[in-house]
Amino acid sequence: MKRTLTALTVAVAAVAAGAAWYVLDKRPLRDGELTLARLQAPVSVRYDERGVPHLRAEHEEDLYRALGFVHAQDRLFQMEILRRLARGELAEILGERLVDTDRLFRTLGIREHADRYAGRLDRQAPEVRALLAYLDGINQYQASRPAPLEFDLLGIPKRPFTVEDTVSVTGYLAYTFAAALRTEPVLSYVRERLGSDYLKIFDLDWHPQGVIRQADAAAALTERDW
C-alpha cells in the first residue's frame, strides 16, 4: 500500500509539474533580453502597470518589427481568428457550424480583393516596408515561441501572417463599420425613447460621462512616457 501511495504521489507530482511547466512556458515575456533577427539597433520594450507595452527604437522598421513580436505575444489567437474570419476560414478549426459565416465573408469577396490589392503594392514604399517589418516580427514570434494554449486545444497549425491577411482584416473592419451605421442609430433610438436601461438587453452599458473618468484620463496623460 505504501509503495502504491508513493508511486501515485510521484505520478501526481510529475503531472502537476508538467502542467505548470506547460502553462508557464506559454506566458508572455515581460523582462529579460531576446534576439530578434534583422534589427538594425537594439529596441527596448517596457510594460506599464496596465500591461501596455512602450517601445523605443532608433529606426522605424525596427520599431514595427518589435511591435509585431509584442503584438503576437499578447494577441496571437485573436489575430488568427480575425484573419480566418475575414478570409472565410473559421470552419476549418471551429467546425461546420461556422460554414454559414465563412460563406458570408467569401461571398463578400474580401479575400479575393485583398489578394489582388496586395499584389499591386510597391514593396519598397515606406508604408509597405513598415508592414513587412511588422509581419516579420509576428512570424519571428511564431517561429521561436510556443503556440498559445488555444492553438493546442483547437489543433490550429502555425502559419505565417501575410500582407494578404492584413488587407483582409482591413476589409473585415470596413464591413463592421458599415454595419455599425445601421445598428448605432437603432441603439441610440432605444436609449432616447425607452431609456438607457433597455440597452442592457444588448449587453451594453450607457456611460453618459464616458467610460474613463476625466480625472483618471488626466492622471494617465501626466504619467505617460513620451
Protein backbone atom coordinates (compact mmCIF):
# COMPACT_ATOMS: atom_id res chain seq x y z
CA MET A 1 0.00 0.00 0.00
CA LYS A 2 2.82 2.37 0.89
CA ARG A 3 4.55 1.67 -2.41
CA THR A 4 1.30 2.29 -4.29
CA LEU A 5 0.66 5.59 -2.50
CA THR A 6 4.25 6.68 -3.05
CA ALA A 7 4.05 5.86 -6.76
CA LEU A 8 0.70 7.67 -7.03
CA THR A 9 2.11 10.71 -5.24
CA VAL A 10 5.12 10.81 -7.55
CA ALA A 11 2.88 10.46 -10.61
CA VAL A 12 0.57 13.27 -9.47
CA ALA A 13 3.56 15.48 -8.69
CA ALA A 14 5.05 14.76 -12.11
CA VAL A 15 1.79 15.58 -13.87
CA ALA A 16 1.39 18.79 -11.85
CA ALA A 17 4.97 19.82 -12.61
CA GLY A 18 4.47 19.10 -16.29
CA ALA A 19 1.23 21.08 -16.38
CA ALA A 20 2.85 24.00 -14.57
CA TRP A 21 5.79 24.00 -16.99
CA TYR A 22 3.40 23.79 -19.95
CA VAL A 23 1.37 26.80 -18.78
CA LEU A 24 4.33 28.90 -17.64
CA ASP A 25 6.18 28.28 -20.90
CA LYS A 26 3.32 29.97 -22.79
CA ARG A 27 3.20 33.10 -20.64
CA PRO A 28 4.24 36.39 -22.31
CA LEU A 29 7.77 37.55 -21.56
CA ARG A 30 7.83 40.78 -19.62
CA ASP A 31 11.54 41.13 -18.80
CA GLY A 32 14.93 39.93 -19.96
CA GLU A 33 16.52 40.03 -23.41
CA LEU A 34 15.55 38.37 -26.69
CA THR A 35 17.32 38.13 -30.02
CA LEU A 36 15.24 39.37 -32.92
CA ALA A 37 16.66 38.94 -36.41
CA ARG A 38 17.11 41.82 -38.86
CA LEU A 39 17.18 44.59 -36.25
CA GLN A 40 19.48 47.49 -37.10
CA ALA A 41 19.85 48.51 -33.44
CA PRO A 42 18.55 47.37 -30.04
CA VAL A 43 14.90 48.04 -29.23
CA SER A 44 13.60 48.41 -25.67
CA VAL A 45 10.13 47.37 -24.53
CA ARG A 46 8.75 48.49 -21.19
CA TYR A 47 5.40 47.33 -19.84
CA ASP A 48 3.47 49.70 -17.59
CA GLU A 49 1.25 48.73 -14.68
CA ARG A 50 -1.66 48.10 -17.08
CA GLY A 51 0.36 45.71 -19.22
CA VAL A 52 0.65 48.20 -22.09
CA PRO A 53 3.99 47.95 -23.94
CA HIS A 54 6.05 51.09 -24.60
CA LEU A 55 8.63 50.65 -27.36
CA ARG A 56 11.75 52.71 -28.09
CA ALA A 57 13.77 52.22 -31.26
CA GLU A 58 16.34 54.12 -33.29
CA HIS A 59 14.91 53.02 -36.64
CA GLU A 60 11.30 52.96 -37.77
CA GLU A 61 11.44 49.48 -39.28
CA ASP A 62 12.97 48.15 -36.06
CA LEU A 63 10.05 49.65 -34.19
CA TYR A 64 7.48 47.90 -36.39
CA ARG A 65 9.37 44.61 -36.28
CA ALA A 66 9.44 44.67 -32.47
CA LEU A 67 5.79 45.76 -32.40
CA GLY A 68 4.84 42.70 -34.44
CA PHE A 69 6.63 40.43 -31.98
CA VAL A 70 5.00 42.08 -28.97
CA HIS A 71 1.58 42.11 -30.62
CA ALA A 72 1.80 38.40 -31.40
CA GLN A 73 2.92 37.66 -27.87
CA ASP A 74 -0.21 39.21 -26.40
CA ARG A 75 -2.83 38.67 -29.15
CA LEU A 76 -1.82 35.86 -31.50
CA PHE A 77 -5.01 33.82 -31.05
CA GLN A 78 -7.20 36.87 -31.59
CA MET A 79 -5.16 37.77 -34.68
CA GLU A 80 -5.54 34.22 -36.00
CA ILE A 81 -9.32 34.26 -35.51
CA LEU A 82 -9.65 37.68 -37.19
CA ARG A 83 -7.75 36.70 -40.31
CA ARG A 84 -9.69 33.44 -40.59
CA LEU A 85 -12.97 35.30 -40.12
CA ALA A 86 -12.08 37.86 -42.77
CA ARG A 87 -10.94 35.20 -45.25
CA GLY A 88 -13.77 32.74 -44.59
CA GLU A 89 -11.65 30.05 -42.92
CA LEU A 90 -13.20 29.68 -39.47
CA ALA A 91 -14.95 26.37 -40.13
CA GLU A 92 -11.56 24.72 -40.68
CA ILE A 93 -10.83 24.99 -36.97
CA LEU A 94 -14.23 25.58 -35.31
CA GLY A 95 -16.38 23.12 -37.21
CA GLU A 96 -19.33 23.08 -39.58
CA ARG A 97 -21.42 25.49 -37.50
CA LEU A 98 -19.23 28.28 -38.90
CA VAL A 99 -19.78 27.31 -42.54
CA ASP A 100 -22.50 29.93 -42.98
CA THR A 101 -20.22 32.61 -41.54
CA ASP A 102 -17.43 31.57 -43.89
CA ARG A 103 -19.86 31.57 -46.80
CA LEU A 104 -20.91 35.14 -45.98
CA PHE A 105 -17.39 36.54 -45.97
CA ARG A 106 -16.35 34.59 -49.05
CA THR A 107 -19.44 35.90 -50.83
CA LEU A 108 -18.42 39.45 -49.90
CA GLY A 109 -15.20 38.83 -51.82
CA ILE A 110 -12.91 40.25 -49.15
CA ARG A 111 -10.28 37.57 -49.67
CA GLU A 112 -10.12 37.91 -53.47
CA HIS A 113 -9.99 41.71 -53.30
CA ALA A 114 -7.27 41.59 -50.65
CA ASP A 115 -5.15 39.21 -52.72
CA ARG A 116 -5.40 41.45 -55.79
CA TYR A 117 -4.70 44.61 -53.81
CA ALA A 118 -1.68 43.09 -52.05
CA GLY A 119 -0.27 42.01 -55.41
CA ARG A 120 -0.27 45.63 -56.63
CA LEU A 121 1.58 47.09 -53.64
CA ASP A 122 5.04 48.57 -54.08
CA ARG A 123 7.22 46.59 -51.69
CA GLN A 124 9.68 49.50 -51.49
CA ALA A 125 7.10 52.08 -50.39
CA PRO A 126 7.75 53.22 -46.79
CA GLU A 127 4.34 52.14 -45.52
CA VAL A 128 4.68 48.70 -47.10
CA ARG A 129 8.19 48.26 -45.72
CA ALA A 130 6.77 49.09 -42.27
CA LEU A 131 4.02 46.50 -42.75
CA LEU A 132 6.52 43.86 -43.89
CA ALA A 133 8.69 44.54 -40.84
CA TYR A 134 5.64 44.23 -38.59
CA LEU A 135 4.66 40.93 -40.20
CA ASP A 136 8.24 39.69 -39.86
CA GLY A 137 8.05 40.38 -36.12
CA ILE A 138 4.82 38.37 -35.85
CA ASN A 139 6.30 35.47 -37.76
CA GLN A 140 9.53 35.51 -35.77
CA TYR A 141 7.44 35.16 -32.63
CA GLN A 142 5.59 32.20 -34.10
CA ALA A 143 8.86 30.55 -35.13
CA SER A 144 10.60 31.00 -31.79
CA ARG A 145 7.94 30.81 -29.08
CA PRO A 146 5.36 28.15 -28.06
CA ALA A 147 1.90 28.43 -29.59
CA PRO A 148 -0.88 29.85 -27.40
CA LEU A 149 -2.98 27.39 -25.43
CA GLU A 150 -5.93 27.88 -27.79
CA PHE A 151 -3.82 26.69 -30.73
CA ASP A 152 -3.15 23.40 -28.93
CA LEU A 153 -6.77 22.91 -27.84
CA LEU A 154 -8.18 23.57 -31.32
CA GLY A 155 -5.34 21.99 -33.29
CA ILE A 156 -4.55 25.23 -35.15
CA PRO A 157 -1.36 24.94 -37.19
CA LYS A 158 1.08 27.82 -37.18
CA ARG A 159 1.36 29.61 -40.50
CA PRO A 160 2.99 32.91 -41.43
CA PHE A 161 0.97 36.12 -41.46
CA THR A 162 0.99 37.83 -44.86
CA VAL A 163 0.17 41.16 -46.46
CA GLU A 164 -2.95 39.50 -47.86
CA ASP A 165 -4.06 38.64 -44.32
CA THR A 166 -3.61 42.24 -43.19
CA VAL A 167 -5.60 43.64 -46.11
CA SER A 168 -8.32 41.04 -45.50
CA VAL A 169 -8.66 42.14 -41.86
CA THR A 170 -8.88 45.74 -43.07
CA GLY A 171 -11.75 44.70 -45.32
CA TYR A 172 -13.48 42.98 -42.43
CA LEU A 173 -13.15 46.13 -40.29
CA ALA A 174 -14.67 48.20 -43.10
CA TYR A 175 -17.60 45.77 -43.16
CA THR A 176 -18.14 46.10 -39.40
CA PHE A 177 -18.03 49.89 -39.61
CA ALA A 178 -20.64 49.78 -42.35
CA ALA A 179 -22.80 47.50 -40.18
CA ALA A 180 -22.46 49.98 -37.31
CA LEU A 181 -24.06 52.66 -39.49
CA ARG A 182 -27.26 50.60 -39.23
CA THR A 183 -27.04 49.41 -35.63
CA GLU A 184 -25.84 52.58 -33.91
CA PRO A 185 -28.88 54.69 -34.87
CA VAL A 186 -31.19 51.91 -33.67
CA LEU A 187 -29.40 51.71 -30.31
CA SER A 188 -29.50 55.50 -29.98
CA TYR A 189 -33.25 55.44 -30.68
CA VAL A 190 -33.78 52.78 -28.00
CA ARG A 191 -31.78 54.80 -25.49
CA GLU A 192 -33.55 58.09 -26.19
CA ARG A 193 -37.12 56.74 -26.40
CA LEU A 194 -37.06 53.87 -23.86
CA GLY A 195 -34.16 54.71 -21.57
CA SER A 196 -30.59 53.52 -21.15
CA ASP A 197 -31.68 50.52 -19.04
CA TYR A 198 -33.03 48.89 -22.19
CA LEU A 199 -29.51 48.78 -23.62
CA LYS A 200 -28.71 46.06 -21.11
CA ILE A 201 -30.73 43.70 -23.32
CA PHE A 202 -27.85 44.06 -25.78
CA ASP A 203 -25.21 43.70 -23.03
CA LEU A 204 -24.43 47.41 -23.32
CA ASP A 205 -23.92 49.89 -20.51
CA TRP A 206 -24.57 53.58 -21.09
CA HIS A 207 -21.87 55.86 -19.68
CA PRO A 208 -23.04 59.47 -20.20
CA GLN A 209 -19.77 60.84 -18.72
CA GLY A 210 -17.57 58.47 -20.68
CA VAL A 211 -16.03 55.13 -19.79
CA ILE A 212 -12.87 56.73 -18.33
CA ARG A 213 -13.28 59.42 -15.72
CA GLN A 214 -11.67 62.75 -16.62
CA ALA A 215 -9.50 62.70 -13.51
CA ASP A 216 -8.14 59.26 -14.41
CA ALA A 217 -7.52 60.34 -18.00
CA ALA A 218 -5.64 63.45 -16.84
CA ALA A 219 -3.51 61.35 -14.49
CA ALA A 220 -2.71 58.92 -17.28
CA LEU A 221 -1.61 61.76 -19.56
CA THR A 222 0.60 63.16 -16.81
CA GLU A 223 2.29 59.78 -16.25
CA ARG A 224 2.63 58.91 -19.95
CA ASP A 225 6.16 58.12 -21.10
CA TRP A 226 6.71 60.40 -24.07
